[in-house]
């Protein structure tokens, strides 16, 4: 599925829709260049899960856990992972195989440990179509 958005609000709304539809055990991988709106999209997912606290990218902590929504939400940003073995140290398996929802930014860096049932999301810009234009490709596992 490909969705085009033309504002951060539309990108957020798409994330919110996905969050409302997410079920326990859902894993989403999120890819795209710096500044394409991965965090805005993730904030929408969190809102769709019923999370009202501020959501920011956990670049330096690797994972941020939110438990106030209808399901636990595990937001990973693995951009700074030097080696996939670092994921063991933070207990990723409890999140990947638990009863929450995982969002993994820069997931291509830890491809070898991802379960097969991930939903892959790619966000791309095309400045020719406008500064806030985003092409969001969602591939269900």
C-alpha atoms as a PDB file:
ATOM      1  CA  UNK A   1       0.000   0.000   0.000  1.00  0.00           C
ATOM      2  CA  UNK A   2       1.269   3.475  -0.857  1.00  0.00           C
ATOM      3  CA  UNK A   3      -0.109   6.592   0.827  1.00  0.00           C
ATOM      4  CA  UNK A   4       0.794  10.149  -0.094  1.00  0.00           C
ATOM      5  CA  UNK A   5       0.650  12.836   2.566  1.00  0.00           C
ATOM      6  CA  UNK A   6       1.059  16.553   2.037  1.00  0.00           C
ATOM      7  CA  UNK A   7       1.540  17.848   5.598  1.00  0.00           C
ATOM      8  CA  UNK A   8       2.943  16.696   8.931  1.00  0.00           C
ATOM      9  CA  UNK A   9      -0.652  16.541  10.179  1.00  0.00           C
ATOM     10  CA  UNK A  10      -1.570  14.021   7.469  1.00  0.00           C
ATOM     11  CA  UNK A  11       1.537  11.944   8.249  1.00  0.00           C
ATOM     12  CA  UNK A  12       0.596  12.019  11.940  1.00  0.00           C
ATOM     13  CA  UNK A  13      -3.007  11.017  11.102  1.00  0.00           C
ATOM     14  CA  UNK A  14      -1.820   7.996   9.107  1.00  0.00           C
ATOM     15  CA  UNK A  15       0.325   6.918  12.047  1.00  0.00           C
ATOM     16  CA  UNK A  16      -2.647   7.418  14.377  1.00  0.00           C
ATOM     17  CA  UNK A  17      -4.815   5.174  12.177  1.00  0.00           C
ATOM     18  CA  UNK A  18      -2.158   2.455  12.311  1.00  0.00           C
ATOM     19  CA  UNK A  19      -1.931   2.823  16.083  1.00  0.00           C
ATOM     20  CA  UNK A  20      -5.706   2.422  16.455  1.00  0.00           C
ATOM     21  CA  UNK A  21      -5.592  -0.766  14.349  1.00  0.00           C
ATOM     22  CA  UNK A  22      -2.466  -2.255  15.990  1.00  0.00           C
ATOM     23  CA  UNK A  23      -2.808  -5.477  17.927  1.00  0.00           C
ATOM     24  CA  UNK A  24      -0.590  -7.063  20.572  1.00  0.00           C
ATOM     25  CA  UNK A  25       2.580  -8.423  18.999  1.00  0.00           C
ATOM     26  CA  UNK A  26       2.588  -5.960  16.077  1.00  0.00           C
ATOM     27  CA  UNK A  27       6.056  -4.974  14.896  1.00  0.00           C
ATOM     28  CA  UNK A  28       6.579  -2.070  12.517  1.00  0.00           C
ATOM     29  CA  UNK A  29       9.906  -1.189  10.934  1.00  0.00           C
ATOM     30  CA  UNK A  30      10.329   2.421   9.933  1.00  0.00           C
ATOM     31  CA  UNK A  31      12.858   3.524   7.340  1.00  0.00           C
ATOM     32  CA  UNK A  32      13.645   6.779   5.628  1.00  0.00           C
ATOM     33  CA  UNK A  33      16.245   9.506   5.497  1.00  0.00           C
ATOM     34  CA  UNK A  34      16.833  11.962   8.318  1.00  0.00           C
ATOM     35  CA  UNK A  35      14.065  14.535   8.478  1.00  0.00           C
ATOM     36  CA  UNK A  36      11.395  12.648   6.528  1.00  0.00           C
ATOM     37  CA  UNK A  37       8.940  12.493   9.426  1.00  0.00           C
ATOM     38  CA  UNK A  38       9.614   9.171  11.135  1.00  0.00           C
ATOM     39  CA  UNK A  39       9.122  10.737  14.561  1.00  0.00           C
ATOM     40  CA  UNK A  40       5.927  12.539  13.506  1.00  0.00           C
ATOM     41  CA  UNK A  41       4.579   9.246  12.151  1.00  0.00           C
ATOM     42  CA  UNK A  42       5.555   7.450  15.383  1.00  0.00           C
ATOM     43  CA  UNK A  43       3.877  10.146  17.473  1.00  0.00           C
ATOM     44  CA  UNK A  44       0.705   9.429  15.514  1.00  0.00           C
ATOM     45  CA  UNK A  45       0.999   5.695  16.215  1.00  0.00           C
ATOM     46  CA  UNK A  46       1.401   6.456  19.920  1.00  0.00           C
ATOM     47  CA  UNK A  47      -1.680   8.667  19.870  1.00  0.00           C
ATOM     48  CA  UNK A  48      -3.632   5.886  18.157  1.00  0.00           C
ATOM     49  CA  UNK A  49      -2.590   3.578  20.989  1.00  0.00           C
ATOM     50  CA  UNK A  50      -3.979   6.066  23.515  1.00  0.00           C
ATOM     51  CA  UNK A  51      -0.635   7.467  24.647  1.00  0.00           C
ATOM     52  CA  UNK A  52      -0.827  11.142  25.530  1.00  0.00           C
ATOM     53  CA  UNK A  53       2.665  11.737  26.912  1.00  0.00           C
ATOM     54  CA  UNK A  54       5.251  13.355  24.620  1.00  0.00           C
ATOM     55  CA  UNK A  55       6.983  10.933  22.255  1.00  0.00           C
ATOM     56  CA  UNK A  56      10.458  11.698  20.967  1.00  0.00           C
ATOM     57  CA  UNK A  57      13.038   9.621  19.178  1.00  0.00           C
ATOM     58  CA  UNK A  58      15.138   7.567  21.651  1.00  0.00           C
ATOM     59  CA  UNK A  59      18.344   8.028  19.645  1.00  0.00           C
ATOM     60  CA  UNK A  60      20.665   7.810  22.647  1.00  0.00           C
ATOM     61  CA  UNK A  61      18.665   5.400  24.824  1.00  0.00           C
ATOM     62  CA  UNK A  62      17.823   3.038  21.919  1.00  0.00           C
ATOM     63  CA  UNK A  63      14.362   2.203  23.300  1.00  0.00           C
ATOM     64  CA  UNK A  64      11.633   4.171  25.022  1.00  0.00           C
ATOM     65  CA  UNK A  65       8.773   2.268  26.624  1.00  0.00           C
ATOM     66  CA  UNK A  66       5.297   3.750  26.974  1.00  0.00           C
ATOM     67  CA  UNK A  67       2.784   1.815  29.062  1.00  0.00           C
ATOM     68  CA  UNK A  68      -0.117   4.226  29.471  1.00  0.00           C
ATOM     69  CA  UNK A  69      -1.958   3.265  26.266  1.00  0.00           C
ATOM     70  CA  UNK A  70      -4.197   0.315  25.501  1.00  0.00           C
ATOM     71  CA  UNK A  71      -1.063  -1.722  24.702  1.00  0.00           C
ATOM     72  CA  UNK A  72       2.571  -1.228  25.721  1.00  0.00           C
ATOM     73  CA  UNK A  73       4.470   0.684  23.045  1.00  0.00           C
ATOM     74  CA  UNK A  74       8.177   0.022  22.463  1.00  0.00           C
ATOM     75  CA  UNK A  75       9.784   2.741  20.370  1.00  0.00           C
ATOM     76  CA  UNK A  76      13.261   1.783  19.152  1.00  0.00           C
ATOM     77  CA  UNK A  77      15.740   4.031  17.362  1.00  0.00           C
ATOM     78  CA  UNK A  78      18.692   1.833  16.437  1.00  0.00           C
ATOM     79  CA  UNK A  79      20.548   4.484  14.422  1.00  0.00           C
ATOM     80  CA  UNK A  80      23.446   4.483  16.910  1.00  0.00           C
ATOM     81  CA  UNK A  81      23.725   0.701  17.282  1.00  0.00           C
ATOM     82  CA  UNK A  82      27.329  -0.250  16.557  1.00  0.00           C
ATOM     83  CA  UNK A  83      26.714  -3.985  16.569  1.00  0.00           C
ATOM     84  CA  UNK A  84      23.481  -5.961  16.598  1.00  0.00           C
ATOM     85  CA  UNK A  85      24.626  -7.702  19.808  1.00  0.00           C
ATOM     86  CA  UNK A  86      23.883  -4.417  21.609  1.00  0.00           C
ATOM     87  CA  UNK A  87      20.199  -5.247  21.137  1.00  0.00           C
ATOM     88  CA  UNK A  88      20.643  -8.241  23.465  1.00  0.00           C
ATOM     89  CA  UNK A  89      21.834  -5.901  26.198  1.00  0.00           C
ATOM     90  CA  UNK A  90      18.600  -3.920  26.118  1.00  0.00           C
ATOM     91  CA  UNK A  91      16.391  -7.021  26.108  1.00  0.00           C
ATOM     92  CA  UNK A  92      14.849  -6.548  22.678  1.00  0.00           C
ATOM     93  CA  UNK A  93      13.325 -10.042  22.660  1.00  0.00           C
ATOM     94  CA  UNK A  94      10.967  -9.137  25.509  1.00  0.00           C
ATOM     95  CA  UNK A  95       9.643  -6.327  23.322  1.00  0.00           C
ATOM     96  CA  UNK A  96       9.662  -8.095  19.948  1.00  0.00           C
ATOM     97  CA  UNK A  97       7.905 -11.187  21.299  1.00  0.00           C
ATOM     98  CA  UNK A  98       5.773  -9.567  24.013  1.00  0.00           C
ATOM     99  CA  UNK A  99       2.216  -8.329  24.102  1.00  0.00           C
ATOM    100  CA  UNK A 100       2.939  -4.773  23.025  1.00  0.00           C
ATOM    101  CA  UNK A 101       3.529  -2.863  19.800  1.00  0.00           C
ATOM    102  CA  UNK A 102       7.067  -2.213  18.506  1.00  0.00           C
ATOM    103  CA  UNK A 103       8.166   0.621  16.246  1.00  0.00           C
ATOM    104  CA  UNK A 104      11.777   0.237  15.084  1.00  0.00           C
ATOM    105  CA  UNK A 105      13.395   3.219  13.380  1.00  0.00           C
ATOM    106  CA  UNK A 106      16.413   2.447  11.161  1.00  0.00           C
ATOM    107  CA  UNK A 107      15.445  -1.253  11.313  1.00  0.00           C
ATOM    108  CA  UNK A 108      17.664  -2.098   8.341  1.00  0.00           C
ATOM    109  CA  UNK A 109      20.612  -1.856  10.778  1.00  0.00           C
ATOM    110  CA  UNK A 110      19.309  -4.850  12.786  1.00  0.00           C
ATOM    111  CA  UNK A 111      17.708  -6.767   9.925  1.00  0.00           C
ATOM    112  CA  UNK A 112      19.141 -10.128  11.030  1.00  0.00           C
ATOM    113  CA  UNK A 113      17.190 -10.155  14.329  1.00  0.00           C
ATOM    114  CA  UNK A 114      13.842  -8.949  12.997  1.00  0.00           C
ATOM    115  CA  UNK A 115      10.958 -11.422  13.079  1.00  0.00           C
ATOM    116  CA  UNK A 116       9.405 -12.389   9.756  1.00  0.00           C
ATOM    117  CA  UNK A 117       6.024 -10.886  10.634  1.00  0.00           C
ATOM    118  CA  UNK A 118       7.137  -7.230  10.603  1.00  0.00           C
ATOM    119  CA  UNK A 119       5.143  -4.587   8.782  1.00  0.00           C
ATOM    120  CA  UNK A 120       7.660  -2.504   6.872  1.00  0.00           C
ATOM    121  CA  UNK A 121       7.103   1.223   6.452  1.00  0.00           C
ATOM    122  CA  UNK A 122       9.214   3.449   4.224  1.00  0.00           C
ATOM    123  CA  UNK A 123       8.810   7.236   4.266  1.00  0.00           C
ATOM    124  CA  UNK A 124      10.245   9.188   1.346  1.00  0.00           C
ATOM    125  CA  UNK A 125      10.296  12.861   0.360  1.00  0.00           C
ATOM    126  CA  UNK A 126       9.929  14.298  -3.129  1.00  0.00           C
ATOM    127  CA  UNK A 127      10.562  18.035  -2.987  1.00  0.00           C
ATOM    128  CA  UNK A 128       9.295  18.361  -6.555  1.00  0.00           C
ATOM    129  CA  UNK A 129       5.829  17.565  -5.131  1.00  0.00           C
ATOM    130  CA  UNK A 130       6.176  20.003  -2.232  1.00  0.00           C
ATOM    131  CA  UNK A 131       8.234  20.530   0.903  1.00  0.00           C
ATOM    132  CA  UNK A 132       5.810  18.555   3.103  1.00  0.00           C
ATOM    133  CA  UNK A 133       5.017  15.813   0.571  1.00  0.00           C
ATOM    134  CA  UNK A 134       5.686  12.262   1.799  1.00  0.00           C
ATOM    135  CA  UNK A 135       5.310   8.944  -0.003  1.00  0.00           C
ATOM    136  CA  UNK A 136       4.660   6.277   2.628  1.00  0.00           C
ATOM    137  CA  UNK A 137       4.927   2.658   1.527  1.00  0.00           C
ATOM    138  CA  UNK A 138       3.486   0.055   3.902  1.00  0.00           C
ATOM    139  CA  UNK A 139       4.232  -3.620   3.271  1.00  0.00           C
ATOM    140  CA  UNK A 140       2.403  -6.144   5.442  1.00  0.00           C
ATOM    141  CA  UNK A 141       4.292  -9.307   6.292  1.00  0.00           C
END
